[in-house]
Amino acid sequence: MVAAKREPKRAGTTGAKRGSKANAKGAAKAQRETGPEPVRLNLVVVRGECSGPPEIRELESGRRLAAVSVRAPGPDGRATSVPVTVWEPAGWVEDLVEGADVIVVGAVRRRFFRTAVGGAATRVDVEAVFIGRAGQRRQLDAALRRTQETLDTLLG
């Protein structure tokens, strides 16, 4: 039988559970005392091949979007399909074909919407702030600049 390790009692605690507001205030105070809050960011960079041609849609608002799926290698070497949304896509994005090598810089977004039959649904995708052909040096440089700009903005 393995004995459970007990955590030492912290100074200033009574052992009684506090409300979530009290816990949040205590955590914030402890954070201020121990240093700056860790940086949280939502930045995605994906390089891979298009799984097929993009789906172009024009919304009632008049805005256009392209939905494309990018196959990218995962950490285990197996490919994973990443759905990407490009708002107001450049003309060349419409001409992408299956197997086209692209690089995408963006952020993960979770969208909530109603289906045609009225049910609720969600979708997680990468909302691109940049998409370029990976084989073109100028577009790769633009992707690197955009990534750096996004990091600079997020890290303040």
C-alpha atoms as a PDB file:
ATOM      1  CA  MET A   1       0.000   0.000   0.000  1.00  0.00           C
ATOM      2  CA  VAL A   2       1.347   3.413  -0.941  1.00  0.00           C
ATOM      3  CA  ALA A   3       0.697   6.260   1.457  1.00  0.00           C
ATOM      4  CA  ALA A   4      -0.612   9.491  -0.050  1.00  0.00           C
ATOM      5  CA  LYS A   5       1.711  12.428   0.350  1.00  0.00           C
ATOM      6  CA  ARG A   6       0.072  15.231   2.312  1.00  0.00           C
ATOM      7  CA  GLU A   7       0.590  18.792   1.273  1.00  0.00           C
ATOM      8  CA  PRO A   8       1.901  21.056   4.030  1.00  0.00           C
ATOM      9  CA  LYS A   9      -0.624  23.502   5.384  1.00  0.00           C
ATOM     10  CA  ARG A  10      -0.050  27.003   4.066  1.00  0.00           C
ATOM     11  CA  ALA A  11       0.277  29.876   6.452  1.00  0.00           C
ATOM     12  CA  GLY A  12      -2.881  31.900   6.810  1.00  0.00           C
ATOM     13  CA  THR A  13      -5.291  29.146   5.794  1.00  0.00           C
ATOM     14  CA  THR A  14      -7.875  27.671   8.096  1.00  0.00           C
ATOM     15  CA  GLY A  15      -8.483  24.527   6.108  1.00  0.00           C
ATOM     16  CA  ALA A  16     -12.029  25.642   5.310  1.00  0.00           C
ATOM     17  CA  LYS A  17     -12.954  25.968   1.679  1.00  0.00           C
ATOM     18  CA  ARG A  18     -13.406  29.491   0.447  1.00  0.00           C
ATOM     19  CA  GLY A  19     -15.684  30.754  -2.298  1.00  0.00           C
ATOM     20  CA  SER A  20     -14.386  31.004  -5.836  1.00  0.00           C
ATOM     21  CA  LYS A  21     -14.138  34.818  -5.625  1.00  0.00           C
ATOM     22  CA  ALA A  22     -11.993  34.573  -2.532  1.00  0.00           C
ATOM     23  CA  ASN A  23      -9.807  31.951  -4.201  1.00  0.00           C
ATOM     24  CA  ALA A  24      -9.441  34.109  -7.317  1.00  0.00           C
ATOM     25  CA  LYS A  25      -8.507  37.164  -5.235  1.00  0.00           C
ATOM     26  CA  GLY A  26      -6.019  35.109  -3.248  1.00  0.00           C
ATOM     27  CA  ALA A  27      -4.478  33.691  -6.413  1.00  0.00           C
ATOM     28  CA  ALA A  28      -4.205  37.183  -7.920  1.00  0.00           C
ATOM     29  CA  LYS A  29      -2.550  38.502  -4.752  1.00  0.00           C
ATOM     30  CA  ALA A  30      -0.117  35.590  -4.689  1.00  0.00           C
ATOM     31  CA  GLN A  31       0.672  36.202  -8.366  1.00  0.00           C
ATOM     32  CA  ARG A  32       1.460  39.874  -7.717  1.00  0.00           C
ATOM     33  CA  GLU A  33       3.728  38.881  -4.859  1.00  0.00           C
ATOM     34  CA  THR A  34       5.587  36.221  -6.865  1.00  0.00           C
ATOM     35  CA  GLY A  35       6.006  38.050 -10.162  1.00  0.00           C
ATOM     36  CA  PRO A  36       4.326  38.801 -13.442  1.00  0.00           C
ATOM     37  CA  GLU A  37       1.533  36.635 -14.767  1.00  0.00           C
ATOM     38  CA  PRO A  38       2.668  34.059 -17.324  1.00  0.00           C
ATOM     39  CA  VAL A  39       2.081  35.058 -20.933  1.00  0.00           C
ATOM     40  CA  ARG A  40      -0.957  33.512 -22.577  1.00  0.00           C
ATOM     41  CA  LEU A  41      -1.173  33.630 -26.324  1.00  0.00           C
ATOM     42  CA  ASN A  42      -3.074  32.135 -29.184  1.00  0.00           C
ATOM     43  CA  LEU A  43      -0.740  31.881 -32.150  1.00  0.00           C
ATOM     44  CA  VAL A  44      -0.705  29.090 -34.709  1.00  0.00           C
ATOM     45  CA  VAL A  45       1.768  28.537 -37.528  1.00  0.00           C
ATOM     46  CA  VAL A  46       0.964  25.618 -39.836  1.00  0.00           C
ATOM     47  CA  ARG A  47       2.851  24.471 -42.910  1.00  0.00           C
ATOM     48  CA  GLY A  48       1.421  21.668 -44.939  1.00  0.00           C
ATOM     49  CA  GLU A  49      -0.405  20.565 -48.058  1.00  0.00           C
ATOM     50  CA  CYS A  50      -3.969  21.477 -48.975  1.00  0.00           C
ATOM     51  CA  SER A  51      -6.252  18.467 -48.678  1.00  0.00           C
ATOM     52  CA  GLY A  52      -8.353  19.786 -51.554  1.00  0.00           C
ATOM     53  CA  PRO A  53      -9.475  23.015 -53.174  1.00  0.00           C
ATOM     54  CA  PRO A  54     -10.870  25.725 -50.888  1.00  0.00           C
ATOM     55  CA  GLU A  55     -14.582  26.190 -50.371  1.00  0.00           C
ATOM     56  CA  ILE A  56     -15.392  29.839 -51.153  1.00  0.00           C
ATOM     57  CA  ARG A  57     -18.491  31.383 -49.573  1.00  0.00           C
ATOM     58  CA  GLU A  58     -20.056  34.804 -49.709  1.00  0.00           C
ATOM     59  CA  LEU A  59     -22.023  35.682 -46.594  1.00  0.00           C
ATOM     60  CA  GLU A  60     -25.199  37.748 -46.416  1.00  0.00           C
ATOM     61  CA  SER A  61     -23.071  40.595 -45.070  1.00  0.00           C
ATOM     62  CA  GLY A  62     -21.110  40.614 -48.332  1.00  0.00           C
ATOM     63  CA  ARG A  63     -17.906  39.329 -46.711  1.00  0.00           C
ATOM     64  CA  ARG A  64     -16.148  36.435 -48.398  1.00  0.00           C
ATOM     65  CA  LEU A  65     -14.355  33.551 -46.790  1.00  0.00           C
ATOM     66  CA  ALA A  66     -12.348  30.587 -47.940  1.00  0.00           C
ATOM     67  CA  ALA A  67     -12.366  27.355 -45.952  1.00  0.00           C
ATOM     68  CA  VAL A  68      -9.409  25.120 -46.687  1.00  0.00           C
ATOM     69  CA  SER A  69      -8.074  22.027 -44.968  1.00  0.00           C
ATOM     70  CA  VAL A  70      -4.291  21.768 -44.503  1.00  0.00           C
ATOM     71  CA  ARG A  71      -2.605  18.405 -43.858  1.00  0.00           C
ATOM     72  CA  ALA A  72       0.327  18.940 -41.524  1.00  0.00           C
ATOM     73  CA  PRO A  73       2.647  16.473 -39.819  1.00  0.00           C
ATOM     74  CA  GLY A  74       1.938  15.982 -36.121  1.00  0.00           C
ATOM     75  CA  PRO A  75       4.558  15.480 -33.411  1.00  0.00           C
ATOM     76  CA  ASP A  76       4.267  11.707 -33.854  1.00  0.00           C
ATOM     77  CA  GLY A  77       4.871  11.987 -37.610  1.00  0.00           C
ATOM     78  CA  ARG A  78       1.274  11.195 -38.565  1.00  0.00           C
ATOM     79  CA  ALA A  79      -0.552  13.785 -40.648  1.00  0.00           C
ATOM     80  CA  THR A  80      -3.408  15.738 -39.133  1.00  0.00           C
ATOM     81  CA  SER A  81      -5.966  17.809 -40.978  1.00  0.00           C
ATOM     82  CA  VAL A  82      -6.248  21.422 -39.816  1.00  0.00           C
ATOM     83  CA  PRO A  83      -9.313  23.412 -40.919  1.00  0.00           C
ATOM     84  CA  VAL A  84      -8.372  26.989 -41.859  1.00  0.00           C
ATOM     85  CA  THR A  85     -10.660  29.970 -42.445  1.00  0.00           C
ATOM     86  CA  VAL A  86      -9.358  32.869 -44.553  1.00  0.00           C
ATOM     87  CA  TRP A  87     -11.477  36.032 -44.493  1.00  0.00           C
ATOM     88  CA  GLU A  88     -11.483  38.129 -47.674  1.00  0.00           C
ATOM     89  CA  PRO A  89      -9.076  35.750 -49.442  1.00  0.00           C
ATOM     90  CA  ALA A  90      -6.714  36.922 -52.170  1.00  0.00           C
ATOM     91  CA  GLY A  91      -7.599  35.748 -55.677  1.00  0.00           C
ATOM     92  CA  TRP A  92      -4.836  33.150 -55.805  1.00  0.00           C
ATOM     93  CA  VAL A  93      -6.268  31.374 -52.719  1.00  0.00           C
ATOM     94  CA  GLU A  94      -9.305  30.378 -54.810  1.00  0.00           C
ATOM     95  CA  ASP A  95      -6.934  28.609 -57.232  1.00  0.00           C
ATOM     96  CA  LEU A  96      -5.320  26.355 -54.596  1.00  0.00           C
ATOM     97  CA  VAL A  97      -5.368  22.682 -55.502  1.00  0.00           C
ATOM     98  CA  GLU A  98      -4.911  19.487 -53.562  1.00  0.00           C
ATOM     99  CA  GLY A  99      -1.263  19.077 -52.612  1.00  0.00           C
ATOM    100  CA  ALA A 100      -0.392  22.799 -52.747  1.00  0.00           C
ATOM    101  CA  ASP A 101       2.226  23.585 -50.075  1.00  0.00           C
ATOM    102  CA  VAL A 102       1.050  26.509 -47.904  1.00  0.00           C
ATOM    103  CA  ILE A 103       2.000  28.254 -44.698  1.00  0.00           C
ATOM    104  CA  VAL A 104      -0.672  29.722 -42.425  1.00  0.00           C
ATOM    105  CA  VAL A 105      -0.280  32.143 -39.518  1.00  0.00           C
ATOM    106  CA  GLY A 106      -3.338  32.677 -37.360  1.00  0.00           C
ATOM    107  CA  ALA A 107      -5.181  31.856 -34.160  1.00  0.00           C
ATOM    108  CA  VAL A 108      -7.389  29.012 -32.970  1.00  0.00           C
ATOM    109  CA  ARG A 109     -11.068  29.951 -32.924  1.00  0.00           C
ATOM    110  CA  ARG A 110     -14.126  28.092 -31.715  1.00  0.00           C
ATOM    111  CA  ARG A 111     -17.284  29.083 -33.540  1.00  0.00           C
ATOM    112  CA  PHE A 112     -20.860  28.466 -32.461  1.00  0.00           C
ATOM    113  CA  PHE A 113     -23.571  28.346 -35.112  1.00  0.00           C
ATOM    114  CA  ARG A 114     -26.994  26.972 -35.984  1.00  0.00           C
ATOM    115  CA  THR A 115     -27.308  24.119 -38.442  1.00  0.00           C
ATOM    116  CA  ALA A 116     -29.794  24.075 -41.313  1.00  0.00           C
ATOM    117  CA  VAL A 117     -32.206  22.062 -39.168  1.00  0.00           C
ATOM    118  CA  GLY A 118     -31.920  24.532 -36.287  1.00  0.00           C
ATOM    119  CA  GLY A 119     -29.591  22.607 -33.999  1.00  0.00           C
ATOM    120  CA  ALA A 120     -26.586  24.147 -32.275  1.00  0.00           C
ATOM    121  CA  ALA A 121     -23.091  23.168 -33.400  1.00  0.00           C
ATOM    122  CA  THR A 122     -19.467  24.199 -32.886  1.00  0.00           C
ATOM    123  CA  ARG A 123     -16.370  24.148 -35.032  1.00  0.00           C
ATOM    124  CA  VAL A 124     -12.732  24.676 -34.115  1.00  0.00           C
ATOM    125  CA  ASP A 125     -10.471  26.072 -36.828  1.00  0.00           C
ATOM    126  CA  VAL A 126      -7.502  28.303 -37.452  1.00  0.00           C
ATOM    127  CA  GLU A 127      -8.513  31.817 -38.450  1.00  0.00           C
ATOM    128  CA  ALA A 128      -5.711  32.927 -40.755  1.00  0.00           C
ATOM    129  CA  VAL A 129      -4.173  36.380 -40.575  1.00  0.00           C
ATOM    130  CA  PHE A 130      -1.757  35.281 -43.290  1.00  0.00           C
ATOM    131  CA  ILE A 131      -1.681  32.500 -45.858  1.00  0.00           C
ATOM    132  CA  GLY A 132       1.043  32.084 -48.448  1.00  0.00           C
ATOM    133  CA  ARG A 133       2.608  29.569 -50.773  1.00  0.00           C
ATOM    134  CA  ALA A 134       5.332  27.847 -48.794  1.00  0.00           C
ATOM    135  CA  GLY A 135       7.666  27.437 -51.763  1.00  0.00           C
ATOM    136  CA  GLN A 136       7.999  31.173 -52.368  1.00  0.00           C
ATOM    137  CA  ARG A 137      10.688  32.903 -50.320  1.00  0.00           C
ATOM    138  CA  ARG A 138       8.935  36.299 -50.260  1.00  0.00           C
ATOM    139  CA  GLN A 139       5.760  34.747 -48.886  1.00  0.00           C
ATOM    140  CA  LEU A 140       7.720  32.798 -46.268  1.00  0.00           C
ATOM    141  CA  ASP A 141       9.441  36.021 -45.216  1.00  0.00           C
ATOM    142  CA  ALA A 142       6.022  37.708 -44.986  1.00  0.00           C
ATOM    143  CA  ALA A 143       4.771  34.840 -42.800  1.00  0.00           C
ATOM    144  CA  LEU A 144       7.773  35.222 -40.500  1.00  0.00           C
ATOM    145  CA  ARG A 145       7.189  38.983 -40.246  1.00  0.00           C
ATOM    146  CA  ARG A 146       3.496  38.462 -39.501  1.00  0.00           C
ATOM    147  CA  THR A 147       4.334  35.868 -36.843  1.00  0.00           C
ATOM    148  CA  GLN A 148       6.843  38.233 -35.213  1.00  0.00           C
ATOM    149  CA  GLU A 149       4.353  41.139 -35.320  1.00  0.00           C
ATOM    150  CA  THR A 150       1.689  38.949 -33.707  1.00  0.00           C
ATOM    151  CA  LEU A 151       4.102  37.795 -30.998  1.00  0.00           C
ATOM    152  CA  ASP A 152       5.197  41.390 -30.343  1.00  0.00           C
ATOM    153  CA  THR A 153       1.568  42.457 -29.982  1.00  0.00           C
ATOM    154  CA  LEU A 154       0.668  39.558 -27.699  1.00  0.00           C
ATOM    155  CA  LEU A 155       3.730  39.921 -25.507  1.00  0.00           C
ATOM    156  CA  GLY A 156       3.248  43.704 -25.300  1.00  0.00           C
END
